[in-house]
């Protein structure tokens, strides 16, 4: 269900860059939830499945290895949320870990495959770092604000407790 909901939310784009990347309505949070609820394996599998759906629905592919990095590895990395399934503040820690994992892969992909898109006077790596940070960390900041609301955080905690009982 998280993969389906995340896919729907990923199509509600608050901002979309013309060459890829967008700020969505909390889609990364939803994809991190299976990892937080059920652990690393479930998280990685959910992230990978989400990446496959993103590839099918909204592909932007120039090279085969870029496809692997941008869709399978980057979205799969959101499953790193499962590393913190039983930790104190595990939801926030897991979400940040998943987002940082995704960020690493999209920065590498941008550096290797999209360096020619760099702004005038910018090197490929600094361009990729900044370009990808804009949309990924904008959504991350909005999500962390949402998770700071006690009712939201407690509600997700109750959902986790219900799914595990």
Protein backbone atom coordinates (compact mmCIF):
# COMPACT_ATOMS: atom_id res chain seq x y z
CA UNK A 1 0.00 0.00 0.00
CA UNK A 2 2.86 2.39 0.74
CA UNK A 3 4.29 1.92 -2.76
CA UNK A 4 0.87 2.65 -4.29
CA UNK A 5 0.27 5.70 -2.09
CA UNK A 6 3.81 6.97 -2.66
CA UNK A 7 3.31 6.63 -6.40
CA UNK A 8 0.07 8.63 -6.26
CA UNK A 9 1.70 11.31 -4.10
CA UNK A 10 4.71 11.48 -6.42
CA UNK A 11 2.35 12.70 -9.13
CA UNK A 12 1.28 15.63 -6.96
CA UNK A 13 4.26 17.81 -7.79
CA UNK A 14 4.63 21.05 -5.91
CA UNK A 15 7.65 21.94 -8.06
CA UNK A 16 9.23 20.12 -11.01
CA UNK A 17 12.60 20.75 -12.64
CA UNK A 18 12.61 20.47 -16.43
CA UNK A 19 15.58 18.08 -16.44
CA UNK A 20 14.36 15.84 -13.63
CA UNK A 21 13.65 16.02 -9.94
CA UNK A 22 10.61 17.37 -8.17
CA UNK A 23 9.22 18.31 -4.79
CA UNK A 24 6.22 16.07 -4.16
CA UNK A 25 3.54 15.81 -1.51
CA UNK A 26 5.48 13.70 1.04
CA UNK A 27 6.04 10.73 -1.30
CA UNK A 28 9.48 9.98 0.17
CA UNK A 29 8.02 9.75 3.66
CA UNK A 30 5.43 7.22 2.56
CA UNK A 31 8.11 5.09 0.88
CA UNK A 32 10.22 5.19 4.05
CA UNK A 33 7.37 3.87 6.21
CA UNK A 34 7.67 0.15 5.33
CA UNK A 35 11.30 0.24 6.45
CA UNK A 36 10.36 2.01 9.67
CA UNK A 37 7.50 -0.42 10.29
CA UNK A 38 9.06 -3.74 9.24
CA UNK A 39 12.83 -3.31 8.98
CA UNK A 40 15.56 -2.97 6.42
CA UNK A 41 14.53 -5.79 4.07
CA UNK A 42 10.97 -4.54 3.69
CA UNK A 43 12.23 -0.99 3.30
CA UNK A 44 14.71 -1.81 0.56
CA UNK A 45 12.16 -3.93 -1.30
CA UNK A 46 9.53 -1.18 -1.09
CA UNK A 47 11.99 1.46 -2.27
CA UNK A 48 13.09 -0.72 -5.17
CA UNK A 49 9.46 -1.44 -6.18
CA UNK A 50 8.72 2.27 -6.02
CA UNK A 51 11.72 2.94 -8.26
CA UNK A 52 10.43 0.43 -10.81
CA UNK A 53 7.05 2.18 -10.85
CA UNK A 54 8.69 5.60 -11.21
CA UNK A 55 10.66 4.25 -14.15
CA UNK A 56 7.48 2.99 -15.80
CA UNK A 57 5.38 6.09 -15.11
CA UNK A 58 7.82 8.97 -15.54
CA UNK A 59 11.12 7.80 -17.08
CA UNK A 60 14.05 10.07 -17.79
CA UNK A 61 16.76 7.73 -19.02
CA UNK A 62 19.86 8.53 -21.03
CA UNK A 63 22.15 5.61 -20.13
CA UNK A 64 21.55 2.09 -18.73
CA UNK A 65 23.72 2.66 -15.63
CA UNK A 66 22.01 6.00 -15.02
CA UNK A 67 18.70 4.13 -14.99
CA UNK A 68 20.05 1.79 -12.32
CA UNK A 69 21.40 4.64 -10.19
CA UNK A 70 18.42 7.00 -10.49
CA UNK A 71 15.60 4.50 -10.19
CA UNK A 72 16.72 1.27 -8.51
CA UNK A 73 19.50 2.44 -6.19
CA UNK A 74 18.32 5.97 -5.35
CA UNK A 75 14.72 5.03 -4.62
CA UNK A 76 15.81 1.75 -3.08
CA UNK A 77 17.99 3.73 -0.67
CA UNK A 78 14.83 5.20 0.87
CA UNK A 79 14.54 1.75 2.46
CA UNK A 80 17.50 2.60 4.67
CA UNK A 81 14.77 3.86 6.98
CA UNK A 82 14.65 0.26 8.17
CA UNK A 83 17.97 0.70 9.95
CA UNK A 84 16.14 2.67 12.65
CA UNK A 85 12.96 0.64 13.01
CA UNK A 86 13.46 0.14 16.75
CA UNK A 87 15.45 3.29 17.57
CA UNK A 88 14.31 6.19 19.67
CA UNK A 89 13.01 8.81 17.19
CA UNK A 90 13.41 6.06 14.61
CA UNK A 91 10.92 7.57 12.20
CA UNK A 92 12.87 10.80 11.83
CA UNK A 93 16.27 9.09 11.88
CA UNK A 94 15.13 6.51 9.34
CA UNK A 95 13.60 9.12 7.07
CA UNK A 96 16.77 11.21 7.12
CA UNK A 97 18.92 8.11 6.46
CA UNK A 98 16.74 7.13 3.52
CA UNK A 99 16.77 10.61 2.05
CA UNK A 100 20.54 10.94 2.45
CA UNK A 101 20.97 7.56 0.75
CA UNK A 102 18.83 8.71 -2.15
CA UNK A 103 20.72 12.00 -2.31
CA UNK A 104 24.09 10.23 -2.60
CA UNK A 105 22.91 8.22 -5.60
CA UNK A 106 21.28 11.12 -7.44
CA UNK A 107 24.33 13.31 -6.88
CA UNK A 108 26.59 10.57 -8.28
CA UNK A 109 24.26 10.12 -11.23
CA UNK A 110 24.12 13.86 -11.87
CA UNK A 111 27.88 14.15 -11.67
CA UNK A 112 28.57 11.20 -13.96
CA UNK A 113 25.71 11.40 -16.45
CA UNK A 114 24.34 14.95 -16.38
CA UNK A 115 27.47 17.07 -16.02
CA UNK A 116 26.84 18.61 -19.44
CA UNK A 117 23.72 20.25 -17.97
CA UNK A 118 25.81 22.18 -15.43
CA UNK A 119 25.15 25.88 -15.21
CA UNK A 120 27.67 28.12 -16.91
CA UNK A 121 30.83 28.33 -14.83
CA UNK A 122 29.89 25.34 -12.66
CA UNK A 123 31.71 22.02 -12.53
CA UNK A 124 29.69 18.83 -12.85
CA UNK A 125 30.00 17.78 -9.19
CA UNK A 126 29.11 21.11 -7.54
CA UNK A 127 26.23 21.48 -9.98
CA UNK A 128 24.90 18.02 -9.11
CA UNK A 129 25.26 18.64 -5.38
CA UNK A 130 23.31 21.90 -5.52
CA UNK A 131 20.75 20.91 -8.16
CA UNK A 132 19.73 17.73 -6.36
CA UNK A 133 19.85 19.33 -2.92
CA UNK A 134 17.28 21.93 -3.96
CA UNK A 135 14.43 19.53 -4.61
CA UNK A 136 15.36 16.69 -2.26
CA UNK A 137 16.00 18.83 0.80
CA UNK A 138 13.01 21.09 0.12
CA UNK A 139 10.74 18.05 0.42
CA UNK A 140 12.80 16.79 3.36
CA UNK A 141 12.38 20.07 5.25
CA UNK A 142 8.62 20.07 4.65
CA UNK A 143 8.40 16.45 5.82
CA UNK A 144 10.43 17.12 8.96
CA UNK A 145 8.08 19.99 9.79
CA UNK A 146 5.13 17.61 9.31
CA UNK A 147 6.79 14.99 11.53
CA UNK A 148 7.36 17.59 14.24
CA UNK A 149 3.59 17.78 14.72
CA UNK A 150 2.91 15.48 17.69
CA UNK A 151 -0.43 14.26 16.30
CA UNK A 152 1.22 13.17 13.04
CA UNK A 153 4.16 11.48 14.76
CA UNK A 154 1.88 9.75 17.27
CA UNK A 155 -0.53 8.70 14.53
CA UNK A 156 2.24 7.04 12.54
CA UNK A 157 3.42 5.36 15.76
CA UNK A 158 -0.08 3.97 16.33
CA UNK A 159 -0.23 2.72 12.75
CA UNK A 160 3.10 0.95 13.28
CA UNK A 161 1.87 -0.62 16.51
CA UNK A 162 -1.34 -1.78 14.81
CA UNK A 163 0.48 -3.32 11.84
CA UNK A 164 2.82 -5.25 14.10
CA UNK A 165 0.16 -6.60 16.44
